[in-house]
C-alpha atoms as a PDB file:
ATOM      1  CA  UNK A   1     -15.405   1.727  83.333  1.00  0.00           C
ATOM      2  CA  UNK A   2     -12.997   2.982  86.331  1.00  0.00           C
ATOM      3  CA  UNK A   3     -10.072   5.205  85.640  1.00  0.00           C
ATOM      4  CA  UNK A   4      -6.656   4.305  86.703  1.00  0.00           C
ATOM      5  CA  UNK A   5      -6.713   6.263  90.048  1.00  0.00           C
ATOM      6  CA  UNK A   6      -9.549   3.656  91.100  1.00  0.00           C
ATOM      7  CA  UNK A   7      -8.030   0.440  90.051  1.00  0.00           C
ATOM      8  CA  UNK A   8      -4.369   1.521  90.608  1.00  0.00           C
ATOM      9  CA  UNK A   9      -1.378   3.719  91.614  1.00  0.00           C
ATOM     10  CA  UNK A  10       0.558   5.041  89.017  1.00  0.00           C
ATOM     11  CA  UNK A  11       3.187   3.197  87.662  1.00  0.00           C
ATOM     12  CA  UNK A  12       6.911   3.760  89.196  1.00  0.00           C
ATOM     13  CA  UNK A  13      10.263   2.309  87.269  1.00  0.00           C
ATOM     14  CA  UNK A  14      11.845   0.149  89.617  1.00  0.00           C
ATOM     15  CA  UNK A  15      14.718  -1.002  87.266  1.00  0.00           C
ATOM     16  CA  UNK A  16      15.856   1.078  84.090  1.00  0.00           C
ATOM     17  CA  UNK A  17      17.496  -1.868  82.541  1.00  0.00           C
ATOM     18  CA  UNK A  18      16.587  -0.809  79.097  1.00  0.00           C
ATOM     19  CA  UNK A  19      15.405  -4.408  78.057  1.00  0.00           C
ATOM     20  CA  UNK A  20      15.113  -4.549  74.269  1.00  0.00           C
ATOM     21  CA  UNK A  21      12.048  -6.921  74.540  1.00  0.00           C
ATOM     22  CA  UNK A  22      11.465  -7.240  78.566  1.00  0.00           C
ATOM     23  CA  UNK A  23       8.999 -10.132  79.578  1.00  0.00           C
ATOM     24  CA  UNK A  24       8.315 -13.110  81.304  1.00  0.00           C
ATOM     25  CA  UNK A  25       8.157 -11.325  84.666  1.00  0.00           C
ATOM     26  CA  UNK A  26       7.796 -13.711  87.832  1.00  0.00           C
ATOM     27  CA  UNK A  27       7.330 -13.072  91.529  1.00  0.00           C
ATOM     28  CA  UNK A  28       8.977 -15.626  93.376  1.00  0.00           C
ATOM     29  CA  UNK A  29       7.219 -15.714  96.651  1.00  0.00           C
ATOM     30  CA  UNK A  30       9.588 -17.709  98.431  1.00  0.00           C
ATOM     31  CA  UNK A  31      12.576 -15.331  97.914  1.00  0.00           C
ATOM     32  CA  UNK A  32      10.404 -12.555  97.657  1.00  0.00           C
ATOM     33  CA  UNK A  33      12.267 -11.730  94.447  1.00  0.00           C
ATOM     34  CA  UNK A  34      11.215 -10.332  91.215  1.00  0.00           C
ATOM     35  CA  UNK A  35      12.643 -12.216  87.599  1.00  0.00           C
ATOM     36  CA  UNK A  36      12.146 -11.308  84.083  1.00  0.00           C
ATOM     37  CA  UNK A  37      14.126 -11.885  81.102  1.00  0.00           C
ATOM     38  CA  UNK A  38      14.992 -10.002  78.111  1.00  0.00           C
ATOM     39  CA  UNK A  39      14.325 -12.084  74.717  1.00  0.00           C
ATOM     40  CA  UNK A  40      16.104  -9.902  72.114  1.00  0.00           C
ATOM     41  CA  UNK A  41      18.689  -8.973  74.610  1.00  0.00           C
ATOM     42  CA  UNK A  42      19.296 -12.927  75.696  1.00  0.00           C
ATOM     43  CA  UNK A  43      19.364 -11.841  79.290  1.00  0.00           C
ATOM     44  CA  UNK A  44      17.702 -13.021  82.726  1.00  0.00           C
ATOM     45  CA  UNK A  45      17.157 -10.417  85.275  1.00  0.00           C
ATOM     46  CA  UNK A  46      16.583 -10.540  89.138  1.00  0.00           C
ATOM     47  CA  UNK A  47      15.760  -8.063  91.819  1.00  0.00           C
ATOM     48  CA  UNK A  48      14.159  -7.788  95.001  1.00  0.00           C
ATOM     49  CA  UNK A  49      10.841  -6.480  95.688  1.00  0.00           C
ATOM     50  CA  UNK A  50      11.925  -2.876  95.477  1.00  0.00           C
ATOM     51  CA  UNK A  51      13.860  -3.402  92.377  1.00  0.00           C
ATOM     52  CA  UNK A  52      17.552  -3.426  94.110  1.00  0.00           C
ATOM     53  CA  UNK A  53      20.243  -6.369  95.109  1.00  0.00           C
ATOM     54  CA  UNK A  54      20.066  -6.663  91.289  1.00  0.00           C
ATOM     55  CA  UNK A  55      21.622  -9.664  89.309  1.00  0.00           C
ATOM     56  CA  UNK A  56      21.845 -10.351  85.544  1.00  0.00           C
ATOM     57  CA  UNK A  57      22.874 -13.068  83.322  1.00  0.00           C
ATOM     58  CA  UNK A  58      23.636 -13.616  79.621  1.00  0.00           C
ATOM     59  CA  UNK A  59      21.742 -16.618  78.473  1.00  0.00           C
ATOM     60  CA  UNK A  60      22.794 -18.587  75.179  1.00  0.00           C
ATOM     61  CA  UNK A  61      19.702 -17.903  73.381  1.00  0.00           C
ATOM     62  CA  UNK A  62      16.327 -16.191  73.359  1.00  0.00           C
ATOM     63  CA  UNK A  63      15.017 -16.322  76.503  1.00  0.00           C
ATOM     64  CA  UNK A  64      11.055 -15.905  77.119  1.00  0.00           C
ATOM     65  CA  UNK A  65      10.227 -16.907  80.492  1.00  0.00           C
ATOM     66  CA  UNK A  66      11.494 -17.942  83.597  1.00  0.00           C
ATOM     67  CA  UNK A  67       9.196 -20.265  86.200  1.00  0.00           C
ATOM     68  CA  UNK A  68      10.141 -21.725  89.615  1.00  0.00           C
ATOM     69  CA  UNK A  69      10.083 -25.338  89.618  1.00  0.00           C
ATOM     70  CA  UNK A  70       8.723 -27.643  92.718  1.00  0.00           C
ATOM     71  CA  UNK A  71      12.403 -28.645  93.359  1.00  0.00           C
ATOM     72  CA  UNK A  72      13.751 -25.440  94.084  1.00  0.00           C
ATOM     73  CA  UNK A  73      15.211 -24.735  90.831  1.00  0.00           C
ATOM     74  CA  UNK A  74      14.315 -22.393  87.813  1.00  0.00           C
ATOM     75  CA  UNK A  75      12.939 -23.223  84.326  1.00  0.00           C
ATOM     76  CA  UNK A  76      13.131 -21.181  81.247  1.00  0.00           C
ATOM     77  CA  UNK A  77      12.628 -21.417  77.249  1.00  0.00           C
ATOM     78  CA  UNK A  78      15.677 -21.321  74.932  1.00  0.00           C
ATOM     79  CA  UNK A  79      14.844 -21.212  71.273  1.00  0.00           C
ATOM     80  CA  UNK A  80      14.915 -25.138  70.953  1.00  0.00           C
ATOM     81  CA  UNK A  81      12.836 -26.283  74.246  1.00  0.00           C
ATOM     82  CA  UNK A  82      12.791 -26.027  77.754  1.00  0.00           C
ATOM     83  CA  UNK A  83      15.904 -25.807  79.949  1.00  0.00           C
ATOM     84  CA  UNK A  84      16.994 -25.854  83.824  1.00  0.00           C
ATOM     85  CA  UNK A  85      18.690 -22.591  84.873  1.00  0.00           C
ATOM     86  CA  UNK A  86      21.074 -22.780  87.535  1.00  0.00           C
ATOM     87  CA  UNK A  87      21.202 -19.330  89.244  1.00  0.00           C
ATOM     88  CA  UNK A  88      24.131 -19.937  91.340  1.00  0.00           C
ATOM     89  CA  UNK A  89      26.330 -20.619  88.324  1.00  0.00           C
ATOM     90  CA  UNK A  90      24.582 -18.991  85.459  1.00  0.00           C
ATOM     91  CA  UNK A  91      24.426 -22.099  83.554  1.00  0.00           C
ATOM     92  CA  UNK A  92      21.758 -23.611  81.229  1.00  0.00           C
ATOM     93  CA  UNK A  93      20.890 -27.302  81.063  1.00  0.00           C
ATOM     94  CA  UNK A  94      18.285 -28.698  78.510  1.00  0.00           C
ATOM     95  CA  UNK A  95      15.189 -30.144  80.064  1.00  0.00           C
ATOM     96  CA  UNK A  96      13.124 -30.974  76.951  1.00  0.00           C
ATOM     97  CA  UNK A  97      13.607 -30.241  73.171  1.00  0.00           C
ATOM     98  CA  UNK A  98      10.399 -28.717  71.797  1.00  0.00           C
ATOM     99  CA  UNK A  99      10.119 -27.781  68.161  1.00  0.00           C
ATOM    100  CA  UNK A 100      13.706 -28.192  67.460  1.00  0.00           C
ATOM    101  CA  UNK A 101      12.997 -29.052  64.094  1.00  0.00           C
ATOM    102  CA  UNK A 102      11.304 -25.746  63.474  1.00  0.00           C
ATOM    103  CA  UNK A 103      14.388 -23.160  63.421  1.00  0.00           C
ATOM    104  CA  UNK A 104      12.028 -20.187  62.694  1.00  0.00           C
ATOM    105  CA  UNK A 105      10.180 -20.322  65.832  1.00  0.00           C
ATOM    106  CA  UNK A 106      11.011 -19.175  69.173  1.00  0.00           C
ATOM    107  CA  UNK A 107       9.072 -19.280  72.409  1.00  0.00           C
ATOM    108  CA  UNK A 108       7.312 -16.449  74.143  1.00  0.00           C
ATOM    109  CA  UNK A 109       4.820 -16.128  77.053  1.00  0.00           C
ATOM    110  CA  UNK A 110       4.615 -18.968  79.639  1.00  0.00           C
ATOM    111  CA  UNK A 111       2.398 -19.438  83.091  1.00  0.00           C
ATOM    112  CA  UNK A 112       2.043 -22.275  85.423  1.00  0.00           C
ATOM    113  CA  UNK A 113      -1.330 -23.538  86.475  1.00  0.00           C
ATOM    114  CA  UNK A 114      -2.786 -24.755  90.051  1.00  0.00           C
ATOM    115  CA  UNK A 115      -1.883 -28.108  88.836  1.00  0.00           C
ATOM    116  CA  UNK A 116       1.722 -27.011  88.117  1.00  0.00           C
ATOM    117  CA  UNK A 117       1.452 -27.670  84.564  1.00  0.00           C
ATOM    118  CA  UNK A 118       3.469 -25.284  82.503  1.00  0.00           C
ATOM    119  CA  UNK A 119       1.325 -23.686  79.639  1.00  0.00           C
ATOM    120  CA  UNK A 120       3.402 -21.765  77.097  1.00  0.00           C
ATOM    121  CA  UNK A 121       3.458 -20.939  73.248  1.00  0.00           C
ATOM    122  CA  UNK A 122       5.907 -20.635  70.358  1.00  0.00           C
ATOM    123  CA  UNK A 123       5.841 -18.204  67.437  1.00  0.00           C
ATOM    124  CA  UNK A 124       7.407 -17.307  64.373  1.00  0.00           C
ATOM    125  CA  UNK A 125      10.351 -15.292  65.098  1.00  0.00           C
ATOM    126  CA  UNK A 126       9.717 -13.180  62.021  1.00  0.00           C
ATOM    127  CA  UNK A 127       6.294 -12.413  63.045  1.00  0.00           C
ATOM    128  CA  UNK A 128       4.798 -13.485  59.795  1.00  0.00           C
ATOM    129  CA  UNK A 129       3.966 -16.813  59.905  1.00  0.00           C
ATOM    130  CA  UNK A 130       1.107 -18.909  61.808  1.00  0.00           C
ATOM    131  CA  UNK A 131       3.538 -21.062  63.339  1.00  0.00           C
ATOM    132  CA  UNK A 132       2.928 -20.473  66.989  1.00  0.00           C
ATOM    133  CA  UNK A 133       1.433 -23.597  68.725  1.00  0.00           C
ATOM    134  CA  UNK A 134       0.086 -23.523  72.724  1.00  0.00           C
ATOM    135  CA  UNK A 135       1.556 -26.285  74.663  1.00  0.00           C
ATOM    136  CA  UNK A 136       1.103 -27.690  78.179  1.00  0.00           C
ATOM    137  CA  UNK A 137       4.108 -29.058  79.818  1.00  0.00           C
ATOM    138  CA  UNK A 138       3.173 -31.869  82.397  1.00  0.00           C
ATOM    139  CA  UNK A 139       6.467 -31.904  84.233  1.00  0.00           C
ATOM    140  CA  UNK A 140       7.555 -35.027  81.833  1.00  0.00           C
ATOM    141  CA  UNK A 141       6.382 -34.313  78.143  1.00  0.00           C
ATOM    142  CA  UNK A 142       4.903 -31.084  76.238  1.00  0.00           C
ATOM    143  CA  UNK A 143       1.515 -31.794  74.240  1.00  0.00           C
ATOM    144  CA  UNK A 144      -0.121 -29.562  71.621  1.00  0.00           C
ATOM    145  CA  UNK A 145      -3.270 -27.793  72.776  1.00  0.00           C
ATOM    146  CA  UNK A 146      -3.842 -25.106  70.170  1.00  0.00           C
ATOM    147  CA  UNK A 147      -2.186 -23.697  67.003  1.00  0.00           C
ATOM    148  CA  UNK A 148      -2.290 -21.462  63.889  1.00  0.00           C
ATOM    149  CA  UNK A 149      -1.092 -18.471  65.663  1.00  0.00           C
ATOM    150  CA  UNK A 150       1.917 -16.038  64.381  1.00  0.00           C
ATOM    151  CA  UNK A 151       2.522 -14.708  67.636  1.00  0.00           C
ATOM    152  CA  UNK A 152       1.141 -16.148  70.976  1.00  0.00           C
ATOM    153  CA  UNK A 153       0.868 -14.582  74.567  1.00  0.00           C
ATOM    154  CA  UNK A 154      -0.899 -14.739  77.871  1.00  0.00           C
ATOM    155  CA  UNK A 155      -1.583 -17.595  78.905  1.00  0.00           C
ATOM    156  CA  UNK A 156      -3.736 -17.345  82.287  1.00  0.00           C
ATOM    157  CA  UNK A 157      -6.396 -19.073  84.121  1.00  0.00           C
ATOM    158  CA  UNK A 158      -9.507 -18.132  86.152  1.00  0.00           C
ATOM    159  CA  UNK A 159      -9.155 -18.409  89.762  1.00  0.00           C
ATOM    160  CA  UNK A 160     -11.134 -21.686  89.430  1.00  0.00           C
ATOM    161  CA  UNK A 161      -8.717 -23.133  86.957  1.00  0.00           C
ATOM    162  CA  UNK A 162     -11.928 -23.980  84.515  1.00  0.00           C
ATOM    163  CA  UNK A 163     -10.989 -21.011  82.043  1.00  0.00           C
ATOM    164  CA  UNK A 164      -7.743 -20.887  80.039  1.00  0.00           C
ATOM    165  CA  UNK A 165      -7.312 -17.483  78.456  1.00  0.00           C
ATOM    166  CA  UNK A 166      -4.657 -16.887  75.471  1.00  0.00           C
ATOM    167  CA  UNK A 167      -3.952 -14.477  73.343  1.00  0.00           C
ATOM    168  CA  UNK A 168      -3.427 -14.117  69.296  1.00  0.00           C
ATOM    169  CA  UNK A 169      -1.538 -10.945  69.364  1.00  0.00           C
ATOM    170  CA  UNK A 170      -1.579 -10.040  65.531  1.00  0.00           C
ATOM    171  CA  UNK A 171      -5.264 -10.661  65.633  1.00  0.00           C
ATOM    172  CA  UNK A 172      -5.627  -8.342  68.569  1.00  0.00           C
ATOM    173  CA  UNK A 173      -7.839 -11.023  69.954  1.00  0.00           C
ATOM    174  CA  UNK A 174      -7.875 -12.718  73.395  1.00  0.00           C
ATOM    175  CA  UNK A 175      -9.817 -16.332  73.413  1.00  0.00           C
ATOM    176  CA  UNK A 176     -10.962 -18.400  76.492  1.00  0.00           C
ATOM    177  CA  UNK A 177     -11.090 -22.089  76.636  1.00  0.00           C
ATOM    178  CA  UNK A 178     -12.894 -24.291  78.776  1.00  0.00           C
ATOM    179  CA  UNK A 179     -10.135 -26.300  80.784  1.00  0.00           C
ATOM    180  CA  UNK A 180     -10.723 -30.022  81.898  1.00  0.00           C
ATOM    181  CA  UNK A 181      -9.397 -31.525  84.821  1.00  0.00           C
ATOM    182  CA  UNK A 182      -7.070 -33.574  82.482  1.00  0.00           C
ATOM    183  CA  UNK A 183      -5.819 -30.519  80.615  1.00  0.00           C
ATOM    184  CA  UNK A 184      -7.611 -30.531  77.915  1.00  0.00           C
ATOM    185  CA  UNK A 185      -9.093 -27.428  76.070  1.00  0.00           C
ATOM    186  CA  UNK A 186     -12.410 -27.191  74.434  1.00  0.00           C
ATOM    187  CA  UNK A 187     -14.999 -24.628  73.363  1.00  0.00           C
ATOM    188  CA  UNK A 188     -12.787 -22.129  72.091  1.00  0.00           C
ATOM    189  CA  UNK A 189     -14.421 -18.614  71.938  1.00  0.00           C
ATOM    190  CA  UNK A 190     -13.496 -14.661  71.716  1.00  0.00           C
ATOM    191  CA  UNK A 191     -12.660 -13.214  74.997  1.00  0.00           C
ATOM    192  CA  UNK A 192     -12.081  -9.802  73.897  1.00  0.00           C
ATOM    193  CA  UNK A 193     -11.225  -7.874  71.191  1.00  0.00           C
ATOM    194  CA  UNK A 194      -8.396  -5.164  71.203  1.00  0.00           C
ATOM    195  CA  UNK A 195      -9.819  -1.985  69.725  1.00  0.00           C
ATOM    196  CA  UNK A 196      -8.340   0.624  71.835  1.00  0.00           C
ATOM    197  CA  UNK A 197      -4.864   0.829  70.059  1.00  0.00           C
ATOM    198  CA  UNK A 198      -1.764  -1.212  70.687  1.00  0.00           C
ATOM    199  CA  UNK A 199      -1.767  -4.999  70.466  1.00  0.00           C
ATOM    200  CA  UNK A 200      -2.628  -7.479  73.355  1.00  0.00           C
ATOM    201  CA  UNK A 201       0.424  -8.934  75.179  1.00  0.00           C
ATOM    202  CA  UNK A 202       1.079 -10.928  78.288  1.00  0.00           C
ATOM    203  CA  UNK A 203      -1.684 -10.907  80.915  1.00  0.00           C
ATOM    204  CA  UNK A 204      -2.492 -12.239  84.788  1.00  0.00           C
ATOM    205  CA  UNK A 205      -5.684 -12.611  86.551  1.00  0.00           C
ATOM    206  CA  UNK A 206      -6.737 -10.968  89.818  1.00  0.00           C
ATOM    207  CA  UNK A 207      -8.494 -12.864  92.685  1.00  0.00           C
ATOM    208  CA  UNK A 208     -11.892 -11.313  91.435  1.00  0.00           C
ATOM    209  CA  UNK A 209     -11.602 -13.620  88.274  1.00  0.00           C
ATOM    210  CA  UNK A 210     -10.930  -9.971  85.961  1.00  0.00           C
ATOM    211  CA  UNK A 211      -8.051 -10.268  83.483  1.00  0.00           C
ATOM    212  CA  UNK A 212      -5.598  -7.682  82.980  1.00  0.00           C
ATOM    213  CA  UNK A 213      -3.927  -7.326  79.719  1.00  0.00           C
ATOM    214  CA  UNK A 214      -0.602  -5.630  78.811  1.00  0.00           C
ATOM    215  CA  UNK A 215      -0.698  -3.748  75.252  1.00  0.00           C
ATOM    216  CA  UNK A 216       2.232  -3.439  73.363  1.00  0.00           C
ATOM    217  CA  UNK A 217       2.239   0.104  71.812  1.00  0.00           C
ATOM    218  CA  UNK A 218      -1.308   0.845  73.741  1.00  0.00           C
ATOM    219  CA  UNK A 219       0.848   2.528  76.466  1.00  0.00           C
ATOM    220  CA  UNK A 220      -1.654   0.816  79.160  1.00  0.00           C
ATOM    221  CA  UNK A 221      -2.676  -2.453  80.831  1.00  0.00           C
ATOM    222  CA  UNK A 222      -6.435  -2.924  80.407  1.00  0.00           C
ATOM    223  CA  UNK A 223      -8.216  -4.597  83.059  1.00  0.00           C
ATOM    224  CA  UNK A 224     -11.479  -6.804  81.759  1.00  0.00           C
ATOM    225  CA  UNK A 225     -14.054  -8.414  83.996  1.00  0.00           C
ATOM    226  CA  UNK A 226     -14.797 -12.435  83.382  1.00  0.00           C
ATOM    227  CA  UNK A 227     -17.468 -11.088  81.040  1.00  0.00           C
ATOM    228  CA  UNK A 228     -14.890  -9.492  78.488  1.00  0.00           C
ATOM    229  CA  UNK A 229     -16.263  -6.015  79.483  1.00  0.00           C
ATOM    230  CA  UNK A 230     -13.186  -3.224  79.906  1.00  0.00           C
ATOM    231  CA  UNK A 231     -13.483  -2.003  83.535  1.00  0.00           C
ATOM    232  CA  UNK A 232     -10.295   0.175  83.845  1.00  0.00           C
ATOM    233  CA  UNK A 233      -6.647   0.676  82.749  1.00  0.00           C
ATOM    234  CA  UNK A 234      -3.313   1.834  84.100  1.00  0.00           C
ATOM    235  CA  UNK A 235      -1.490   4.053  82.019  1.00  0.00           C
ATOM    236  CA  UNK A 236       2.134   3.984  81.421  1.00  0.00           C
ATOM    237  CA  UNK A 237       5.078   6.604  80.579  1.00  0.00           C
ATOM    238  CA  UNK A 238       5.569   4.231  77.448  1.00  0.00           C
ATOM    239  CA  UNK A 239       4.232   2.569  74.726  1.00  0.00           C
ATOM    240  CA  UNK A 240       5.551  -1.372  74.922  1.00  0.00           C
ATOM    241  CA  UNK A 241       3.760  -2.718  78.068  1.00  0.00           C
ATOM    242  CA  UNK A 242       4.660  -6.763  77.738  1.00  0.00           C
ATOM    243  CA  UNK A 243       3.770  -8.649  80.643  1.00  0.00           C
ATOM    244  CA  UNK A 244       2.475  -7.971  84.262  1.00  0.00           C
ATOM    245  CA  UNK A 245       2.807 -10.217  87.711  1.00  0.00           C
ATOM    246  CA  UNK A 246       0.788  -9.698  91.107  1.00  0.00           C
ATOM    247  CA  UNK A 247       3.425 -10.108  93.815  1.00  0.00           C
ATOM    248  CA  UNK A 248       4.481  -8.818  97.238  1.00  0.00           C
ATOM    249  CA  UNK A 249       3.224 -10.178 100.541  1.00  0.00           C
ATOM    250  CA  UNK A 250      -0.362  -9.148  99.856  1.00  0.00           C
ATOM    251  CA  UNK A 251       0.009  -9.902  96.055  1.00  0.00           C
ATOM    252  CA  UNK A 252      -1.448  -6.187  95.409  1.00  0.00           C
ATOM    253  CA  UNK A 253       1.576  -4.930  94.030  1.00  0.00           C
ATOM    254  CA  UNK A 254       2.190  -5.630  90.445  1.00  0.00           C
ATOM    255  CA  UNK A 255       5.340  -5.647  88.197  1.00  0.00           C
ATOM    256  CA  UNK A 256       5.285  -5.037  84.849  1.00  0.00           C
ATOM    257  CA  UNK A 257       8.031  -5.284  81.883  1.00  0.00           C
ATOM    258  CA  UNK A 258       8.110  -3.027  79.229  1.00  0.00           C
ATOM    259  CA  UNK A 259      10.111  -3.055  75.810  1.00  0.00           C
ATOM    260  CA  UNK A 260      12.370  -0.649  73.760  1.00  0.00           C
ATOM    261  CA  UNK A 261      11.881  -3.301  70.435  1.00  0.00           C
ATOM    262  CA  UNK A 262      10.273  -1.269  67.615  1.00  0.00           C
ATOM    263  CA  UNK A 263      10.781   2.148  68.735  1.00  0.00           C
ATOM    264  CA  UNK A 264      12.501   4.959  66.600  1.00  0.00           C
ATOM    265  CA  UNK A 265      15.276   6.972  68.314  1.00  0.00           C
ATOM    266  CA  UNK A 266      12.928   9.776  68.421  1.00  0.00           C
ATOM    267  CA  UNK A 267      10.559   7.696  70.330  1.00  0.00           C
ATOM    268  CA  UNK A 268      13.186   6.169  72.735  1.00  0.00           C
ATOM    269  CA  UNK A 269      14.295   9.996  73.275  1.00  0.00           C
ATOM    270  CA  UNK A 270      10.773  10.720  74.076  1.00  0.00           C
ATOM    271  CA  UNK A 271      10.300   7.242  76.331  1.00  0.00           C
ATOM    272  CA  UNK A 272      13.439   7.394  78.752  1.00  0.00           C
ATOM    273  CA  UNK A 273      11.684   4.278  80.989  1.00  0.00           C
ATOM    274  CA  UNK A 274      11.095   2.356  77.897  1.00  0.00           C
ATOM    275  CA  UNK A 275      12.226  -1.315  78.543  1.00  0.00           C
ATOM    276  CA  UNK A 276      12.007  -0.809  82.179  1.00  0.00           C
ATOM    277  CA  UNK A 277      10.650  -2.722  85.045  1.00  0.00           C
ATOM    278  CA  UNK A 278       7.701  -0.997  86.696  1.00  0.00           C
ATOM    279  CA  UNK A 279       5.613  -1.598  89.744  1.00  0.00           C
ATOM    280  CA  UNK A 280       2.598  -0.323  90.851  1.00  0.00           C
ATOM    281  CA  UNK A 281      -0.163  -0.940  93.474  1.00  0.00           C
ATOM    282  CA  UNK A 282      -3.599  -2.198  93.153  1.00  0.00           C
ATOM    283  CA  UNK A 283      -6.692  -2.888  95.280  1.00  0.00           C
ATOM    284  CA  UNK A 284      -7.536  -6.314  94.297  1.00  0.00           C
ATOM    285  CA  UNK A 285      -4.897  -8.920  94.772  1.00  0.00           C
ATOM    286  CA  UNK A 286      -3.730 -11.239  92.120  1.00  0.00           C
ATOM    287  CA  UNK A 287      -3.534 -14.884  92.155  1.00  0.00           C
ATOM    288  CA  UNK A 288      -0.556 -16.961  93.710  1.00  0.00           C
ATOM    289  CA  UNK A 289       2.111 -17.827  91.119  1.00  0.00           C
ATOM    290  CA  UNK A 290       2.417 -21.585  91.226  1.00  0.00           C
ATOM    291  CA  UNK A 291       5.375 -23.959  90.984  1.00  0.00           C
ATOM    292  CA  UNK A 292       6.206 -26.311  88.140  1.00  0.00           C
ATOM    293  CA  UNK A 293       5.765 -30.032  89.229  1.00  0.00           C
ATOM    294  CA  UNK A 294       8.396 -31.511  87.557  1.00  0.00           C
ATOM    295  CA  UNK A 295       8.409 -35.690  87.114  1.00  0.00           C
ATOM    296  CA  UNK A 296      10.694 -37.201  89.676  1.00  0.00           C
END
């Protein structure tokens, strides 16, 4: 297995924002900006590629991810569904109600595939009941694709789009599915079972088809080949690493969010960068982040 120096530089903190639960990091190539959210802090953050020119907005609920749409706007999740976010005014406008009838649930991770469909998961906000569902939003409707999760995470797709990866965080297991051209899933199977400490969180796939998985409580991001073998890791100066995105002009800069959630006062004192936005450089570029295709 390769060591950290073989696959990446050491992570540097770009923005010591102190997020309670940093998540949803997005590289917006058109503007060369990084977006991310603080779910429990109910905030949306944006900065440039170097972590400067920062701006933050308050959200009216738990915002768990944010993506760029094909009309130039932004779409995010709040507690009861999908919303348009207007960065000029900071306003949130309802787009689609999802699980509004399940008040104990919130949404977690999201990813746009090469066809412009949004894959996202719900979860029990108390992190106890298996009420989480994996959805596919095609620009007009959200359809259930899998369920039975306490905490959903991921999702991400292989370079050819034929394999979807999705994580059951509390079970410490990431699954692989066959993804058909119409977006249906089949052949659910274990891909990786985390045994090195921590819980698998958000992920991203690189151009070689390797899957990078952030670990909450594990102090690192792991890299797995397409067969699920661990081939490298990147160590962090804080325990809770939550999500990563490949960015920069060459897609070889990784941006990663972290969290202060669950850390004691003593742990927070020992981890002053917890909750910050980090970046590091890698040898293998990632895949471009796609635009959400909205029904016109």
